């Protein structure tokens, strides 16, 4: 079983603990907060998601998850399985 990337593990655990709000994955976070969070993960750090900046803009954590999936080289719903899904 492939391992779950740290960015997804950290973000989803944080959202499950702190992010029970309407539209957590539907609403976007503030772009500068998303980029700051992304930079922290790209620097191979595990950011402290309990910082006020992320607690006050919890949608940036959900937005980073969506960004991760959007930038995958191959979609989660693979091209081979597309017909079955549609």
N, C-alpha and C. Protein backbone atom coordinates (compact mmCIF):
# COMPACT_ATOMS: atom_id res chain seq x y z
N UNK A 1 0.84 -1.18 0.00
CA UNK A 1 0.00 0.00 0.00
C UNK A 1 0.89 1.25 0.00
N UNK A 2 0.72 2.15 -0.98
CA UNK A 2 1.57 3.34 -1.01
C UNK A 2 1.29 4.23 0.21
N UNK A 3 2.32 4.93 0.63
CA UNK A 3 2.16 5.80 1.79
C UNK A 3 1.44 7.10 1.39
N UNK A 4 0.79 7.69 2.36
CA UNK A 4 0.07 8.95 2.14
C UNK A 4 1.07 10.09 2.27
N UNK A 5 1.12 11.01 1.31
CA UNK A 5 2.04 12.15 1.40
C UNK A 5 1.79 12.96 2.69
N UNK A 6 2.85 13.46 3.28
CA UNK A 6 2.76 14.19 4.54
C UNK A 6 1.82 15.38 4.46
N UNK A 7 1.83 16.08 3.34
CA UNK A 7 0.95 17.25 3.20
C UNK A 7 -0.51 16.85 3.35
N UNK A 8 -0.91 15.73 2.75
CA UNK A 8 -2.29 15.28 2.85
C UNK A 8 -2.61 14.76 4.25
N UNK A 9 -1.68 14.03 4.82
CA UNK A 9 -1.89 13.49 6.16
C UNK A 9 -2.07 14.62 7.17
N UNK A 10 -1.16 15.59 7.16
CA UNK A 10 -1.22 16.70 8.12
C UNK A 10 -2.48 17.52 7.93
N UNK A 11 -2.79 17.86 6.69
CA UNK A 11 -3.94 18.72 6.42
C UNK A 11 -5.26 18.04 6.76
N UNK A 12 -5.41 16.77 6.38
CA UNK A 12 -6.68 16.10 6.66
C UNK A 12 -6.87 15.85 8.15
N UNK A 13 -5.80 15.52 8.86
CA UNK A 13 -5.91 15.35 10.31
C UNK A 13 -6.32 16.66 10.98
N UNK A 14 -5.72 17.76 10.53
CA UNK A 14 -6.04 19.07 11.09
C UNK A 14 -7.50 19.44 10.80
N UNK A 15 -7.93 19.20 9.58
CA UNK A 15 -9.31 19.53 9.20
C UNK A 15 -10.30 18.69 10.00
N UNK A 16 -10.00 17.41 10.18
CA UNK A 16 -10.90 16.57 10.98
C UNK A 16 -11.00 17.05 12.42
N UNK A 17 -9.91 17.61 12.94
CA UNK A 17 -9.90 18.06 14.32
C UNK A 17 -10.48 19.47 14.49
N UNK A 18 -10.17 20.38 13.55
CA UNK A 18 -10.52 21.79 13.71
C UNK A 18 -11.45 22.34 12.63
N UNK A 19 -11.66 21.59 11.57
CA UNK A 19 -12.30 22.17 10.40
C UNK A 19 -13.73 21.79 10.15
N UNK A 20 -14.47 21.50 11.18
CA UNK A 20 -15.86 21.15 10.97
C UNK A 20 -16.66 22.44 10.79
N UNK A 21 -16.53 23.00 9.60
CA UNK A 21 -17.24 24.22 9.23
C UNK A 21 -17.88 23.99 7.87
N UNK A 22 -18.91 24.74 7.59
CA UNK A 22 -19.58 24.60 6.29
C UNK A 22 -18.62 24.95 5.16
N UNK A 23 -18.62 24.13 4.14
CA UNK A 23 -17.87 24.43 2.94
C UNK A 23 -16.37 24.36 3.08
N UNK A 24 -15.85 23.52 3.97
CA UNK A 24 -14.40 23.47 4.20
C UNK A 24 -13.63 23.21 2.91
N UNK A 25 -14.15 22.36 2.03
CA UNK A 25 -13.46 22.11 0.77
C UNK A 25 -14.06 22.90 -0.39
N UNK A 26 -15.19 23.52 -0.16
CA UNK A 26 -15.86 24.28 -1.21
C UNK A 26 -15.33 25.71 -1.28
N UNK A 27 -15.08 26.31 -0.12
CA UNK A 27 -14.60 27.69 -0.08
C UNK A 27 -13.08 27.73 -0.14
N UNK A 28 -12.56 28.76 -0.78
CA UNK A 28 -11.11 28.90 -0.91
C UNK A 28 -10.55 29.72 0.23
N UNK A 29 -9.32 29.40 0.58
CA UNK A 29 -8.61 30.19 1.57
C UNK A 29 -7.96 31.40 0.92
N UNK A 30 -7.32 32.21 1.72
CA UNK A 30 -6.60 33.39 1.22
C UNK A 30 -5.34 32.90 0.49
N UNK A 31 -5.16 33.38 -0.72
CA UNK A 31 -4.07 32.90 -1.59
C UNK A 31 -2.70 32.99 -0.92
N UNK A 32 -2.43 34.09 -0.24
CA UNK A 32 -1.11 34.24 0.40
C UNK A 32 -0.91 33.22 1.51
N UNK A 33 -1.99 32.87 2.22
CA UNK A 33 -1.88 31.86 3.27
C UNK A 33 -1.66 30.46 2.67
N UNK A 34 -2.32 30.20 1.55
CA UNK A 34 -2.14 28.91 0.87
C UNK A 34 -0.69 28.78 0.41
N UNK A 35 -0.16 29.83 -0.19
CA UNK A 35 1.22 29.79 -0.68
C UNK A 35 2.23 29.66 0.46
N UNK A 36 1.97 30.35 1.57
CA UNK A 36 2.86 30.24 2.73
C UNK A 36 2.86 28.81 3.25
N UNK A 37 1.69 28.22 3.36
CA UNK A 37 1.58 26.84 3.84
C UNK A 37 2.26 25.88 2.87
N UNK A 38 2.04 26.09 1.59
CA UNK A 38 2.68 25.24 0.58
C UNK A 38 4.19 25.34 0.67
N UNK A 39 4.69 26.55 0.84
CA UNK A 39 6.14 26.75 0.95
C UNK A 39 6.70 26.01 2.17
N UNK A 40 5.97 26.04 3.27
CA UNK A 40 6.44 25.33 4.47
C UNK A 40 6.53 23.83 4.21
N UNK A 41 5.54 23.25 3.54
CA UNK A 41 5.61 21.83 3.21
C UNK A 41 6.70 21.56 2.18
N UNK A 42 6.86 22.44 1.19
CA UNK A 42 7.90 22.26 0.17
C UNK A 42 9.30 22.32 0.77
N UNK A 43 9.45 23.02 1.88
CA UNK A 43 10.74 23.12 2.56
C UNK A 43 11.01 21.90 3.43
N UNK A 44 10.19 20.87 3.25
CA UNK A 44 10.29 19.61 3.96
C UNK A 44 10.15 19.79 5.47
N UNK A 45 9.35 20.77 5.85
CA UNK A 45 9.01 20.95 7.25
C UNK A 45 7.57 20.46 7.41
N UNK A 46 7.21 20.15 8.63
CA UNK A 46 5.81 19.89 8.93
C UNK A 46 5.34 21.12 9.69
N UNK A 47 4.58 21.98 9.02
CA UNK A 47 4.20 23.25 9.65
C UNK A 47 3.28 23.05 10.84
N UNK A 48 3.32 24.01 11.73
CA UNK A 48 2.42 24.03 12.88
C UNK A 48 1.10 24.62 12.41
N UNK A 49 0.14 23.75 12.13
CA UNK A 49 -1.14 24.20 11.60
C UNK A 49 -2.01 24.87 12.67
N UNK A 50 -1.58 24.82 13.92
CA UNK A 50 -2.36 25.47 14.97
C UNK A 50 -2.00 26.95 15.13
N UNK A 51 -1.11 27.46 14.27
CA UNK A 51 -0.80 28.89 14.29
C UNK A 51 -2.08 29.67 13.98
N UNK A 52 -2.19 30.86 14.55
CA UNK A 52 -3.38 31.68 14.33
C UNK A 52 -3.69 31.89 12.85
N UNK A 53 -2.66 32.05 12.04
CA UNK A 53 -2.87 32.32 10.61
C UNK A 53 -3.68 31.20 9.96
N UNK A 54 -3.45 29.96 10.37
CA UNK A 54 -4.16 28.82 9.77
C UNK A 54 -5.48 28.55 10.48
N UNK A 55 -5.54 28.76 11.77
CA UNK A 55 -6.80 28.59 12.51
C UNK A 55 -7.83 29.61 12.01
N UNK A 56 -7.39 30.86 11.81
CA UNK A 56 -8.30 31.91 11.37
C UNK A 56 -8.70 31.76 9.92
N UNK A 57 -7.86 31.11 9.12
CA UNK A 57 -8.19 30.87 7.70
C UNK A 57 -8.08 29.38 7.44
N UNK A 58 -8.95 28.63 8.09
CA UNK A 58 -8.89 27.17 7.97
C UNK A 58 -9.13 26.70 6.54
N UNK A 59 -9.78 27.53 5.75
CA UNK A 59 -10.04 27.16 4.35
C UNK A 59 -8.74 27.07 3.54
N UNK A 60 -7.66 27.73 3.99
CA UNK A 60 -6.40 27.61 3.25
C UNK A 60 -5.84 26.19 3.36
N UNK A 61 -6.13 25.50 4.45
CA UNK A 61 -5.67 24.12 4.61
C UNK A 61 -6.42 23.21 3.63
N UNK A 62 -7.73 23.37 3.54
CA UNK A 62 -8.51 22.61 2.57
C UNK A 62 -8.10 22.95 1.15
N UNK A 63 -7.81 24.22 0.90
CA UNK A 63 -7.39 24.65 -0.44
C UNK A 63 -6.07 24.02 -0.84
N UNK A 64 -5.16 23.86 0.13
CA UNK A 64 -3.88 23.23 -0.17
C UNK A 64 -4.09 21.77 -0.56
N UNK A 65 -5.01 21.08 0.09
CA UNK A 65 -5.33 19.69 -0.30
C UNK A 65 -5.83 19.64 -1.74
N UNK A 66 -6.76 20.53 -2.06
CA UNK A 66 -7.30 20.56 -3.43
C UNK A 66 -6.20 20.87 -4.44
N UNK A 67 -5.31 21.80 -4.10
CA UNK A 67 -4.20 22.15 -4.98
C UNK A 67 -3.30 20.95 -5.22
N UNK A 68 -3.02 20.20 -4.17
CA UNK A 68 -2.18 19.01 -4.30
C UNK A 68 -2.78 18.04 -5.31
N UNK A 69 -4.07 17.77 -5.17
CA UNK A 69 -4.72 16.83 -6.09
C UNK A 69 -4.78 17.37 -7.51
N UNK A 70 -4.98 18.69 -7.66
CA UNK A 70 -5.02 19.30 -9.01
C UNK A 70 -3.69 19.18 -9.71
N UNK A 71 -2.60 19.22 -8.96
CA UNK A 71 -1.27 19.23 -9.58
C UNK A 71 -0.65 17.85 -9.74
N UNK A 72 -1.39 16.80 -9.39
CA UNK A 72 -0.87 15.45 -9.62
C UNK A 72 -0.67 15.22 -11.11
N UNK A 73 0.38 14.49 -11.50
CA UNK A 73 0.62 14.25 -12.92
C UNK A 73 -0.49 13.41 -13.55
N UNK A 74 -1.09 12.51 -12.79
CA UNK A 74 -2.20 11.70 -13.27
C UNK A 74 -3.37 11.90 -12.32
N UNK A 75 -4.58 11.99 -12.85
CA UNK A 75 -5.74 12.22 -11.98
C UNK A 75 -6.00 11.04 -11.05
N UNK A 76 -6.66 11.32 -9.94
CA UNK A 76 -7.05 10.24 -9.01
C UNK A 76 -8.00 9.27 -9.68
N UNK A 77 -8.95 9.81 -10.43
CA UNK A 77 -9.86 8.97 -11.21
C UNK A 77 -9.18 8.78 -12.56
N UNK A 78 -8.43 7.71 -12.69
CA UNK A 78 -7.53 7.51 -13.83
C UNK A 78 -8.25 7.53 -15.17
N UNK A 79 -7.48 7.85 -16.19
CA UNK A 79 -8.01 7.88 -17.55
C UNK A 79 -8.60 6.53 -17.94
N UNK A 80 -7.95 5.43 -17.50
CA UNK A 80 -8.42 4.09 -17.85
C UNK A 80 -9.80 3.81 -17.26
N UNK A 81 -10.10 4.40 -16.11
CA UNK A 81 -11.37 4.14 -15.43
C UNK A 81 -12.42 5.21 -15.70
N UNK A 82 -12.09 6.20 -16.51
CA UNK A 82 -12.98 7.33 -16.74
C UNK A 82 -14.35 6.89 -17.24
N UNK A 83 -14.38 5.99 -18.20
CA UNK A 83 -15.67 5.53 -18.76
C UNK A 83 -16.55 4.91 -17.68
N UNK A 84 -15.96 4.14 -16.79
CA UNK A 84 -16.75 3.51 -15.72
C UNK A 84 -17.31 4.54 -14.76
N UNK A 85 -16.55 5.60 -14.52
CA UNK A 85 -17.02 6.65 -13.60
C UNK A 85 -18.12 7.50 -14.21
N UNK A 86 -18.02 7.72 -15.51
CA UNK A 86 -19.03 8.57 -16.15
C UNK A 86 -20.17 7.73 -16.62
